[in-house]
Amino acid sequence: GYTQEELETYFGERIDEMSPDFGGREALLTKIKQWYNGYSWDTKNFVYNPFSILGFFDKRSFENFWFETGTPTFLLKTLNREKQYNLDNIRSTALTFGSFELGNITPEALLFQTGYLTLKAVDKRGVYTLSYPNLEVKDSLLQYLLAEYSHESLTYVSPRVVTMLEALEAHQVDEFVNTLNSLFASIPYQIFIAHVEAYYHSVTFLALSLMGSFVQVEASQAKGRPDAVVHTDDCIYVMEFKLDENAEAAMQQIKERGYTKPYLHLGKPVKAVGINFNSSKKEVDQWLEEKV
């Protein structure tokens, strides 16, 4: 990969040329780092993906070039079999990276070897923290995983996630729920029933995570954590999801634990949204919305 020095030295002329269109040189370098930097094998040195960097300077726009490297079918099947979908900040030891037998390889080792996760830090006990290297890879894997878990075509996954976000921006929680239900509808009934909680949690988590950096999934708070907090330009949605209970229970938890309080001072309307998923119907069957 390219180091920071190599990027600025060998692509310096192109960076200077493009800077005015991206808010200046420093703003452009920061965004390039967020999108394409982050690969590390020692937690100290981080490099850029050459394939993506060349694609960026050729297209002159921030795009997901990782998709062009091929679909990681074996990886997706492995993660589905292990029912893993939350891959941010995984902790593991060095023994994980010594497993190279395909029949006995751990998902963490496979993700590391294929570049979907990279080393971010190591503590004094030799425990490593693995995470997505950058926005490009995170977006790619989340889309692949959502398609895999929802049994939906990759070409339909991204538009549906965009529709969910647009619905909340238009204050249409009903449309948000309808689109979420459309993702569950694609899952074969017999497969879904065999792994109800895994499919329910995975599809919900992945869809919300793909909505962007303005979405906090399981945002940590002093009295627990809401399942999701979605920030739009003119509203903040604090969401709690229940499985085979009712929307009233979800709304009550938001109120009792004060999930909306950290967001009341931000100058935007705050709405509490309680949602219940019915596993026998394979859909959200109840939802409540209250302005705080």
C-alpha atoms as a PDB file:
ATOM      1  CA  GLY A   1       0.000   0.000   0.000  1.00  0.00           C
ATOM      2  CA  TYR A   2       0.902   3.674  -0.261  1.00  0.00           C
ATOM      3  CA  THR A   3       2.144   5.443   2.851  1.00  0.00           C
ATOM      4  CA  GLN A   4       0.943   8.959   3.654  1.00  0.00           C
ATOM      5  CA  GLU A   5       4.275  10.364   2.457  1.00  0.00           C
ATOM      6  CA  GLU A   6       4.079   8.441  -0.811  1.00  0.00           C
ATOM      7  CA  LEU A   7       0.514   9.591  -1.414  1.00  0.00           C
ATOM      8  CA  GLU A   8       1.382  13.260  -0.967  1.00  0.00           C
ATOM      9  CA  THR A   9       4.672  12.989  -2.878  1.00  0.00           C
ATOM     10  CA  TYR A  10       3.659  11.046  -5.963  1.00  0.00           C
ATOM     11  CA  PHE A  11       0.094  12.361  -6.212  1.00  0.00           C
ATOM     12  CA  GLY A  12       0.834  15.861  -4.933  1.00  0.00           C
ATOM     13  CA  GLU A  13       0.133  17.574  -8.250  1.00  0.00           C
ATOM     14  CA  ARG A  14      -3.239  15.840  -8.635  1.00  0.00           C
ATOM     15  CA  ILE A  15      -4.141  16.596  -5.001  1.00  0.00           C
ATOM     16  CA  ASP A  16      -3.392  20.316  -5.495  1.00  0.00           C
ATOM     17  CA  GLU A  17      -5.403  20.326  -8.707  1.00  0.00           C
ATOM     18  CA  MET A  18      -8.462  18.733  -7.093  1.00  0.00           C
ATOM     19  CA  SER A  19      -8.300  20.535  -3.724  1.00  0.00           C
ATOM     20  CA  PRO A  20     -10.523  23.532  -4.622  1.00  0.00           C
ATOM     21  CA  ASP A  21     -13.397  21.166  -5.458  1.00  0.00           C
ATOM     22  CA  PHE A  22     -13.201  19.481  -2.045  1.00  0.00           C
ATOM     23  CA  GLY A  23     -12.829  22.411   0.353  1.00  0.00           C
ATOM     24  CA  GLY A  24      -9.046  22.745   0.262  1.00  0.00           C
ATOM     25  CA  ARG A  25      -6.011  20.479   0.487  1.00  0.00           C
ATOM     26  CA  GLU A  26      -6.384  19.446   4.137  1.00  0.00           C
ATOM     27  CA  ALA A  27     -10.081  18.693   3.757  1.00  0.00           C
ATOM     28  CA  LEU A  28      -9.369  16.549   0.693  1.00  0.00           C
ATOM     29  CA  LEU A  29      -6.528  14.648   2.399  1.00  0.00           C
ATOM     30  CA  THR A  30      -8.741  13.980   5.421  1.00  0.00           C
ATOM     31  CA  LYS A  31     -11.529  12.552   3.272  1.00  0.00           C
ATOM     32  CA  ILE A  32      -9.118  10.425   1.210  1.00  0.00           C
ATOM     33  CA  LYS A  33      -7.784   8.970   4.477  1.00  0.00           C
ATOM     34  CA  GLN A  34     -11.288   8.204   5.763  1.00  0.00           C
ATOM     35  CA  TRP A  35     -12.211   6.420   2.553  1.00  0.00           C
ATOM     36  CA  TYR A  36      -9.063   4.555   1.497  1.00  0.00           C
ATOM     37  CA  ASN A  37      -6.459   4.508   4.295  1.00  0.00           C
ATOM     38  CA  GLY A  38      -6.293   2.215   7.322  1.00  0.00           C
ATOM     39  CA  TYR A  39      -4.550  -1.055   6.427  1.00  0.00           C
ATOM     40  CA  SER A  40      -2.048  -2.123   9.070  1.00  0.00           C
ATOM     41  CA  TRP A  41      -0.177  -5.274  10.049  1.00  0.00           C
ATOM     42  CA  ASP A  42       1.606  -3.857  13.110  1.00  0.00           C
ATOM     43  CA  THR A  43      -0.899  -1.282  14.560  1.00  0.00           C
ATOM     44  CA  LYS A  44       1.698   1.459  13.941  1.00  0.00           C
ATOM     45  CA  ASN A  45       1.957   1.937  10.194  1.00  0.00           C
ATOM     46  CA  PHE A  46      -1.171   2.456   8.105  1.00  0.00           C
ATOM     47  CA  VAL A  47      -1.311   2.436   4.318  1.00  0.00           C
ATOM     48  CA  TYR A  48      -3.691   3.240   1.464  1.00  0.00           C
ATOM     49  CA  ASN A  49      -5.194   0.705  -0.931  1.00  0.00           C
ATOM     50  CA  PRO A  50      -3.398   1.377  -4.283  1.00  0.00           C
ATOM     51  CA  PHE A  51      -6.297   0.028  -6.361  1.00  0.00           C
ATOM     52  CA  SER A  52      -8.761   2.413  -4.723  1.00  0.00           C
ATOM     53  CA  ILE A  53      -6.391   5.396  -4.801  1.00  0.00           C
ATOM     54  CA  LEU A  54      -5.812   4.978  -8.536  1.00  0.00           C
ATOM     55  CA  GLY A  55      -9.551   4.634  -9.071  1.00  0.00           C
ATOM     56  CA  PHE A  56     -10.230   7.789  -7.059  1.00  0.00           C
ATOM     57  CA  PHE A  57      -7.768   9.951  -8.960  1.00  0.00           C
ATOM     58  CA  ASP A  58      -9.015   8.549 -12.256  1.00  0.00           C
ATOM     59  CA  LYS A  59     -12.728   9.126 -11.521  1.00  0.00           C
ATOM     60  CA  ARG A  60     -12.055  12.263  -9.432  1.00  0.00           C
ATOM     61  CA  SER A  61     -14.811  11.278  -7.010  1.00  0.00           C
ATOM     62  CA  PHE A  62     -15.222   9.225  -3.840  1.00  0.00           C
ATOM     63  CA  GLU A  63     -16.641   5.893  -4.925  1.00  0.00           C
ATOM     64  CA  ASN A  64     -16.609   2.317  -3.722  1.00  0.00           C
ATOM     65  CA  PHE A  65     -13.954   0.689  -5.916  1.00  0.00           C
ATOM     66  CA  TRP A  66     -13.704  -2.339  -3.597  1.00  0.00           C
ATOM     67  CA  PHE A  67     -16.734  -3.884  -5.314  1.00  0.00           C
ATOM     68  CA  GLU A  68     -14.673  -4.235  -8.495  1.00  0.00           C
ATOM     69  CA  THR A  69     -12.302  -6.690  -6.777  1.00  0.00           C
ATOM     70  CA  GLY A  70     -14.976  -9.426  -6.764  1.00  0.00           C
ATOM     71  CA  THR A  71     -17.701 -10.863  -4.549  1.00  0.00           C
ATOM     72  CA  PRO A  72     -16.327 -12.656  -1.440  1.00  0.00           C
ATOM     73  CA  THR A  73     -18.759 -15.581  -1.635  1.00  0.00           C
ATOM     74  CA  PHE A  74     -16.796 -17.951   0.614  1.00  0.00           C
ATOM     75  CA  LEU A  75     -16.337 -15.233   3.222  1.00  0.00           C
ATOM     76  CA  LEU A  76     -20.042 -14.346   3.240  1.00  0.00           C
ATOM     77  CA  LYS A  77     -21.095 -17.983   3.583  1.00  0.00           C
ATOM     78  CA  THR A  78     -18.678 -18.403   6.508  1.00  0.00           C
ATOM     79  CA  LEU A  79     -20.006 -15.336   8.317  1.00  0.00           C
ATOM     80  CA  ASN A  80     -23.597 -16.445   7.715  1.00  0.00           C
ATOM     81  CA  ARG A  81     -22.850 -19.919   9.060  1.00  0.00           C
ATOM     82  CA  GLU A  82     -21.299 -18.385  12.198  1.00  0.00           C
ATOM     83  CA  LYS A  83     -24.095 -15.778  12.352  1.00  0.00           C
ATOM     84  CA  GLN A  84     -21.616 -12.898  12.602  1.00  0.00           C
ATOM     85  CA  TYR A  85     -22.540  -9.451  11.365  1.00  0.00           C
ATOM     86  CA  ASN A  86     -21.268  -6.880  13.900  1.00  0.00           C
ATOM     87  CA  LEU A  87     -17.596  -6.753  12.928  1.00  0.00           C
ATOM     88  CA  ASP A  88     -16.476  -3.439  14.413  1.00  0.00           C
ATOM     89  CA  ASN A  89     -13.790  -3.489  17.115  1.00  0.00           C
ATOM     90  CA  ILE A  90     -13.349  -7.257  17.428  1.00  0.00           C
ATOM     91  CA  ARG A  91     -10.833  -8.347  20.059  1.00  0.00           C
ATOM     92  CA  SER A  92      -8.585 -11.311  19.330  1.00  0.00           C
ATOM     93  CA  THR A  93      -5.166 -12.810  20.113  1.00  0.00           C
ATOM     94  CA  ALA A  94      -2.220 -13.498  17.812  1.00  0.00           C
ATOM     95  CA  LEU A  95      -3.232 -17.178  17.666  1.00  0.00           C
ATOM     96  CA  THR A  96      -6.173 -16.147  15.504  1.00  0.00           C
ATOM     97  CA  PHE A  97      -3.878 -15.086  12.678  1.00  0.00           C
ATOM     98  CA  GLY A  98      -1.985 -18.368  12.592  1.00  0.00           C
ATOM     99  CA  SER A  99      -4.990 -20.312  11.299  1.00  0.00           C
ATOM    100  CA  PHE A 100      -4.717 -20.864   7.551  1.00  0.00           C
ATOM    101  CA  GLU A 101      -6.594 -24.163   7.055  1.00  0.00           C
ATOM    102  CA  LEU A 102      -9.750 -23.323   5.131  1.00  0.00           C
ATOM    103  CA  GLY A 103     -11.678 -26.078   6.856  1.00  0.00           C
ATOM    104  CA  ASN A 104     -10.769 -24.725  10.283  1.00  0.00           C
ATOM    105  CA  ILE A 105     -10.163 -21.014   9.746  1.00  0.00           C
ATOM    106  CA  THR A 106     -11.806 -18.523  12.102  1.00  0.00           C
ATOM    107  CA  PRO A 107     -13.941 -15.703  10.650  1.00  0.00           C
ATOM    108  CA  GLU A 108     -11.571 -13.150  12.219  1.00  0.00           C
ATOM    109  CA  ALA A 109      -8.540 -14.677  10.480  1.00  0.00           C
ATOM    110  CA  LEU A 110     -10.404 -14.857   7.189  1.00  0.00           C
ATOM    111  CA  LEU A 111     -11.526 -11.228   7.421  1.00  0.00           C
ATOM    112  CA  PHE A 112      -7.994 -10.145   8.269  1.00  0.00           C
ATOM    113  CA  GLN A 113      -6.357 -12.113   5.445  1.00  0.00           C
ATOM    114  CA  THR A 114      -8.830 -10.767   2.877  1.00  0.00           C
ATOM    115  CA  GLY A 115      -8.469  -7.136   3.972  1.00  0.00           C
ATOM    116  CA  TYR A 116     -11.987  -6.626   5.307  1.00  0.00           C
ATOM    117  CA  LEU A 117     -10.589  -6.125   8.810  1.00  0.00           C
ATOM    118  CA  THR A 118      -7.241  -4.758   9.855  1.00  0.00           C
ATOM    119  CA  LEU A 119      -5.266  -4.326  13.077  1.00  0.00           C
ATOM    120  CA  LYS A 120      -6.100  -1.088  14.879  1.00  0.00           C
ATOM    121  CA  ALA A 121      -4.473  -1.511  18.287  1.00  0.00           C
ATOM    122  CA  VAL A 122      -2.819  -4.010  20.638  1.00  0.00           C
ATOM    123  CA  ASP A 123      -2.820  -3.864  24.441  1.00  0.00           C
ATOM    124  CA  LYS A 124      -0.115  -4.902  26.922  1.00  0.00           C
ATOM    125  CA  ARG A 125      -1.582  -8.407  27.153  1.00  0.00           C
ATOM    126  CA  GLY A 126      -1.182  -8.945  23.424  1.00  0.00           C
ATOM    127  CA  VAL A 127      -4.883  -8.678  22.655  1.00  0.00           C
ATOM    128  CA  TYR A 128      -5.499  -7.108  19.264  1.00  0.00           C
ATOM    129  CA  THR A 129      -8.417  -4.922  18.203  1.00  0.00           C
ATOM    130  CA  LEU A 130      -9.554  -5.499  14.628  1.00  0.00           C
ATOM    131  CA  SER A 131     -11.872  -3.179  12.747  1.00  0.00           C
ATOM    132  CA  TYR A 132     -12.771  -2.036   9.259  1.00  0.00           C
ATOM    133  CA  PRO A 133      -9.802  -0.252   7.657  1.00  0.00           C
ATOM    134  CA  ASN A 134     -11.899   2.507   6.107  1.00  0.00           C
ATOM    135  CA  LEU A 135     -15.330   3.660   4.918  1.00  0.00           C
ATOM    136  CA  GLU A 136     -15.003   1.993   1.517  1.00  0.00           C
ATOM    137  CA  VAL A 137     -14.412  -1.499   2.897  1.00  0.00           C
ATOM    138  CA  LYS A 138     -17.015  -1.089   5.647  1.00  0.00           C
ATOM    139  CA  ASP A 139     -19.656  -0.029   3.139  1.00  0.00           C
ATOM    140  CA  SER A 140     -18.788  -2.945   0.851  1.00  0.00           C
ATOM    141  CA  LEU A 141     -18.954  -5.626   3.518  1.00  0.00           C
ATOM    142  CA  LEU A 142     -22.141  -4.261   5.101  1.00  0.00           C
ATOM    143  CA  GLN A 143     -23.890  -4.306   1.721  1.00  0.00           C
ATOM    144  CA  TYR A 144     -22.649  -7.815   0.950  1.00  0.00           C
ATOM    145  CA  LEU A 145     -23.744  -9.062   4.377  1.00  0.00           C
ATOM    146  CA  LEU A 146     -27.181  -7.447   4.173  1.00  0.00           C
ATOM    147  CA  ALA A 147     -27.716  -9.072   0.777  1.00  0.00           C
ATOM    148  CA  GLU A 148     -26.549 -12.421   2.175  1.00  0.00           C
ATOM    149  CA  TYR A 149     -28.711 -12.304   5.309  1.00  0.00           C
ATOM    150  CA  SER A 150     -31.832 -10.942   3.610  1.00  0.00           C
ATOM    151  CA  HIS A 151     -31.465 -13.273   0.592  1.00  0.00           C
ATOM    152  CA  GLU A 152     -31.829 -10.180  -1.550  1.00  0.00           C
ATOM    153  CA  SER A 153     -29.958  -9.163  -4.692  1.00  0.00           C
ATOM    154  CA  LEU A 154     -27.085  -6.766  -4.023  1.00  0.00           C
ATOM    155  CA  THR A 155     -28.526  -4.373  -6.609  1.00  0.00           C
ATOM    156  CA  TYR A 156     -31.663  -3.923  -4.470  1.00  0.00           C
ATOM    157  CA  VAL A 157     -30.003  -3.606  -1.074  1.00  0.00           C
ATOM    158  CA  SER A 158     -28.528  -0.111  -1.390  1.00  0.00           C
ATOM    159  CA  PRO A 159     -31.672   1.526  -2.880  1.00  0.00           C
ATOM    160  CA  ARG A 160     -33.800   0.123  -0.063  1.00  0.00           C
ATOM    161  CA  VAL A 161     -31.452   1.488   2.584  1.00  0.00           C
ATOM    162  CA  VAL A 162     -31.568   4.891   0.862  1.00  0.00           C
ATOM    163  CA  THR A 163     -35.376   4.686   0.895  1.00  0.00           C
ATOM    164  CA  MET A 164     -35.312   4.040   4.645  1.00  0.00           C
ATOM    165  CA  LEU A 165     -33.193   7.122   5.245  1.00  0.00           C
ATOM    166  CA  GLU A 166     -35.304   9.269   2.918  1.00  0.00           C
ATOM    167  CA  ALA A 167     -38.427   8.139   4.774  1.00  0.00           C
ATOM    168  CA  LEU A 168     -37.043   9.361   8.097  1.00  0.00           C
ATOM    169  CA  GLU A 169     -35.895  12.611   6.504  1.00  0.00           C
ATOM    170  CA  ALA A 170     -39.500  13.094   5.347  1.00  0.00           C
ATOM    171  CA  HIS A 171     -40.817  12.165   8.837  1.00  0.00           C
ATOM    172  CA  GLN A 172     -42.508   9.058   7.433  1.00  0.00           C
ATOM    173  CA  VAL A 173     -41.821   6.329   9.984  1.00  0.00           C
ATOM    174  CA  ASP A 174     -44.467   4.142   8.353  1.00  0.00           C
ATOM    175  CA  GLU A 175     -42.484   4.072   5.087  1.00  0.00           C
ATOM    176  CA  PHE A 176     -39.286   3.340   7.036  1.00  0.00           C
ATOM    177  CA  VAL A 177     -41.035   0.329   8.613  1.00  0.00           C
ATOM    178  CA  ASN A 178     -42.478  -0.830   5.280  1.00  0.00           C
ATOM    179  CA  THR A 179     -39.057  -0.818   3.634  1.00  0.00           C
ATOM    180  CA  LEU A 180     -37.497  -2.659   6.567  1.00  0.00           C
ATOM    181  CA  ASN A 181     -40.230  -5.264   6.226  1.00  0.00           C
ATOM    182  CA  SER A 182     -39.453  -5.678   2.531  1.00  0.00           C
ATOM    183  CA  LEU A 183     -35.962  -6.862   3.480  1.00  0.00           C
ATOM    184  CA  PHE A 184     -37.361  -9.526   5.810  1.00  0.00           C
ATOM    185  CA  ALA A 185     -39.891 -10.620   3.186  1.00  0.00           C
ATOM    186  CA  SER A 186     -37.137 -12.008   0.940  1.00  0.00           C
ATOM    187  CA  ILE A 187     -35.860 -14.500   3.543  1.00  0.00           C
ATOM    188  CA  PRO A 188     -37.195 -18.048   2.976  1.00  0.00           C
ATOM    189  CA  TYR A 189     -39.583 -18.883   5.812  1.00  0.00           C
ATOM    190  CA  GLN A 190     -38.010 -22.207   6.824  1.00  0.00           C
ATOM    191  CA  ILE A 191     -34.519 -20.662   7.048  1.00  0.00           C
ATOM    192  CA  PHE A 192     -35.782 -17.638   8.971  1.00  0.00           C
ATOM    193  CA  ILE A 193     -37.690 -19.683  11.565  1.00  0.00           C
ATOM    194  CA  ALA A 194     -34.624 -21.856  12.220  1.00  0.00           C
ATOM    195  CA  HIS A 195     -32.559 -18.771  13.167  1.00  0.00           C
ATOM    196  CA  VAL A 196     -35.177 -16.182  14.153  1.00  0.00           C
ATOM    197  CA  GLU A 197     -33.104 -13.988  16.452  1.00  0.00           C
ATOM    198  CA  ALA A 198     -29.999 -14.093  14.266  1.00  0.00           C
ATOM    199  CA  TYR A 199     -31.875 -12.984  11.147  1.00  0.00           C
ATOM    200  CA  TYR A 200     -33.930 -10.383  12.999  1.00  0.00           C
ATOM    201  CA  HIS A 201     -30.882  -8.783  14.617  1.00  0.00           C
ATOM    202  CA  SER A 202     -28.592  -9.061  11.589  1.00  0.00           C
ATOM    203  CA  VAL A 203     -30.933  -7.532   9.014  1.00  0.00           C
ATOM    204  CA  THR A 204     -31.977  -4.701  11.348  1.00  0.00           C
ATOM    205  CA  PHE A 205     -28.403  -3.950  12.449  1.00  0.00           C
ATOM    206  CA  LEU A 206     -26.946  -4.052   8.928  1.00  0.00           C
ATOM    207  CA  ALA A 207     -29.692  -1.931   7.370  1.00  0.00           C
ATOM    208  CA  LEU A 208     -29.327   0.747  10.045  1.00  0.00           C
ATOM    209  CA  SER A 209     -25.518   0.676   9.879  1.00  0.00           C
ATOM    210  CA  LEU A 210     -25.620   1.209   6.112  1.00  0.00           C
ATOM    211  CA  MET A 211     -27.651   4.388   6.524  1.00  0.00           C
ATOM    212  CA  GLY A 212     -24.408   6.246   7.195  1.00  0.00           C
ATOM    213  CA  SER A 213     -22.183   7.890   9.775  1.00  0.00           C
ATOM    214  CA  PHE A 214     -25.173   9.886  11.115  1.00  0.00           C
ATOM    215  CA  VAL A 215     -26.635   6.671  12.515  1.00  0.00           C
ATOM    216  CA  GLN A 216     -25.514   5.239  15.853  1.00  0.00           C
ATOM    217  CA  VAL A 217     -26.421   1.583  16.260  1.00  0.00           C
ATOM    218  CA  GLU A 218     -26.611   0.520  19.909  1.00  0.00           C
ATOM    219  CA  ALA A 219     -25.327   3.922  21.058  1.00  0.00           C
ATOM    220  CA  SER A 220     -23.815   3.600  24.533  1.00  0.00           C
ATOM    221  CA  GLN A 221     -25.388   5.653  27.366  1.00  0.00           C
ATOM    222  CA  ALA A 222     -25.178   5.734  31.160  1.00  0.00           C
ATOM    223  CA  LYS A 223     -28.426   3.792  31.718  1.00  0.00           C
ATOM    224  CA  GLY A 224     -28.053   1.348  28.883  1.00  0.00           C
ATOM    225  CA  ARG A 225     -28.263   1.898  25.163  1.00  0.00           C
ATOM    226  CA  PRO A 226     -31.028   2.474  22.622  1.00  0.00           C
ATOM    227  CA  ASP A 227     -30.929   0.133  19.642  1.00  0.00           C
ATOM    228  CA  ALA A 228     -30.421   3.020  17.214  1.00  0.00           C
ATOM    229  CA  VAL A 229     -30.153   6.798  17.051  1.00  0.00           C
ATOM    230  CA  VAL A 230     -30.705   8.368  13.626  1.00  0.00           C
ATOM    231  CA  HIS A 231     -29.702  11.994  13.005  1.00  0.00           C
ATOM    232  CA  THR A 232     -31.347  13.744  10.040  1.00  0.00           C
ATOM    233  CA  ASP A 233     -31.003  17.443   9.154  1.00  0.00           C
ATOM    234  CA  ASP A 234     -34.053  18.442  11.178  1.00  0.00           C
ATOM    235  CA  CYS A 235     -34.820  15.574  13.565  1.00  0.00           C
ATOM    236  CA  ILE A 236     -33.269  12.939  15.829  1.00  0.00           C
ATOM    237  CA  TYR A 237     -34.936   9.523  16.097  1.00  0.00           C
ATOM    238  CA  VAL A 238     -34.221   7.403  19.176  1.00  0.00           C
ATOM    239  CA  MET A 239     -35.284   3.826  18.434  1.00  0.00           C
ATOM    240  CA  GLU A 240     -35.860   0.722  20.491  1.00  0.00           C
ATOM    241  CA  PHE A 241     -36.683  -2.643  18.883  1.00  0.00           C
ATOM    242  CA  LYS A 242     -38.448  -5.609  20.470  1.00  0.00           C
ATOM    243  CA  LEU A 243     -38.877  -9.175  19.246  1.00  0.00           C
ATOM    244  CA  ASP A 244     -42.244 -10.854  19.889  1.00  0.00           C
ATOM    245  CA  GLU A 245     -43.316  -8.350  22.540  1.00  0.00           C
ATOM    246  CA  ASN A 246     -45.080  -5.087  21.689  1.00  0.00           C
ATOM    247  CA  ALA A 247     -44.341  -1.514  20.676  1.00  0.00           C
ATOM    248  CA  GLU A 248     -45.546  -0.230  24.052  1.00  0.00           C
ATOM    249  CA  ALA A 249     -42.771  -2.166  25.808  1.00  0.00           C
ATOM    250  CA  ALA A 250     -40.183  -0.639  23.479  1.00  0.00           C
ATOM    251  CA  MET A 251     -41.517   2.882  24.070  1.00  0.00           C
ATOM    252  CA  GLN A 252     -41.643   2.324  27.827  1.00  0.00           C
ATOM    253  CA  GLN A 253     -37.984   1.303  27.857  1.00  0.00           C
ATOM    254  CA  ILE A 254     -37.022   4.498  26.021  1.00  0.00           C
ATOM    255  CA  LYS A 255     -38.841   6.574  28.641  1.00  0.00           C
ATOM    256  CA  GLU A 256     -37.766   4.675  31.750  1.00  0.00           C
ATOM    257  CA  ARG A 257     -34.099   4.695  30.826  1.00  0.00           C
ATOM    258  CA  GLY A 258     -34.063   8.262  29.525  1.00  0.00           C
ATOM    259  CA  TYR A 259     -32.663   7.331  26.122  1.00  0.00           C
ATOM    260  CA  THR A 260     -33.736  10.664  24.586  1.00  0.00           C
ATOM    261  CA  LYS A 261     -32.143  12.947  27.213  1.00  0.00           C
ATOM    262  CA  PRO A 262     -28.615  13.131  25.714  1.00  0.00           C
ATOM    263  CA  TYR A 263     -30.077  14.593  22.494  1.00  0.00           C
ATOM    264  CA  LEU A 264     -32.506  17.214  23.844  1.00  0.00           C
ATOM    265  CA  HIS A 265     -29.887  20.000  23.888  1.00  0.00           C
ATOM    266  CA  LEU A 266     -28.829  19.616  20.245  1.00  0.00           C
ATOM    267  CA  GLY A 267     -31.383  22.072  18.876  1.00  0.00           C
ATOM    268  CA  LYS A 268     -33.448  19.573  16.883  1.00  0.00           C
ATOM    269  CA  PRO A 269     -36.808  17.909  17.566  1.00  0.00           C
ATOM    270  CA  VAL A 270     -36.335  14.472  19.160  1.00  0.00           C
ATOM    271  CA  LYS A 271     -38.703  11.602  18.472  1.00  0.00           C
ATOM    272  CA  ALA A 272     -38.921   8.301  20.344  1.00  0.00           C
ATOM    273  CA  VAL A 273     -39.804   5.323  18.156  1.00  0.00           C
ATOM    274  CA  GLY A 274     -40.789   1.943  19.615  1.00  0.00           C
ATOM    275  CA  ILE A 275     -40.886  -0.979  17.177  1.00  0.00           C
ATOM    276  CA  ASN A 276     -41.952  -4.598  17.649  1.00  0.00           C
ATOM    277  CA  PHE A 277     -41.047  -7.405  15.269  1.00  0.00           C
ATOM    278  CA  ASN A 278     -43.391 -10.402  15.050  1.00  0.00           C
ATOM    279  CA  SER A 279     -41.418 -13.550  14.185  1.00  0.00           C
ATOM    280  CA  SER A 280     -44.451 -15.614  13.194  1.00  0.00           C
ATOM    281  CA  LYS A 281     -45.510 -12.946  10.685  1.00  0.00           C
ATOM    282  CA  LYS A 282     -41.860 -12.223   9.788  1.00  0.00           C
ATOM    283  CA  GLU A 283     -42.466  -8.486   9.907  1.00  0.00           C
ATOM    284  CA  VAL A 284     -42.762  -5.387  12.083  1.00  0.00           C
ATOM    285  CA  ASP A 285     -46.365  -5.550  13.252  1.00  0.00           C
ATOM    286  CA  GLN A 286     -46.427  -2.607  15.692  1.00  0.00           C
ATOM    287  CA  TRP A 287     -44.698   0.711  15.996  1.00  0.00           C
ATOM    288  CA  LEU A 288     -45.208   3.867  18.046  1.00  0.00           C
ATOM    289  CA  GLU A 289     -43.817   7.372  17.568  1.00  0.00           C
ATOM    290  CA  GLU A 290     -43.776  10.193  20.124  1.00  0.00           C
ATOM    291  CA  LYS A 291     -42.242  13.639  19.945  1.00  0.00           C
ATOM    292  CA  VAL A 292     -40.307  14.366  23.140  1.00  0.00           C
END
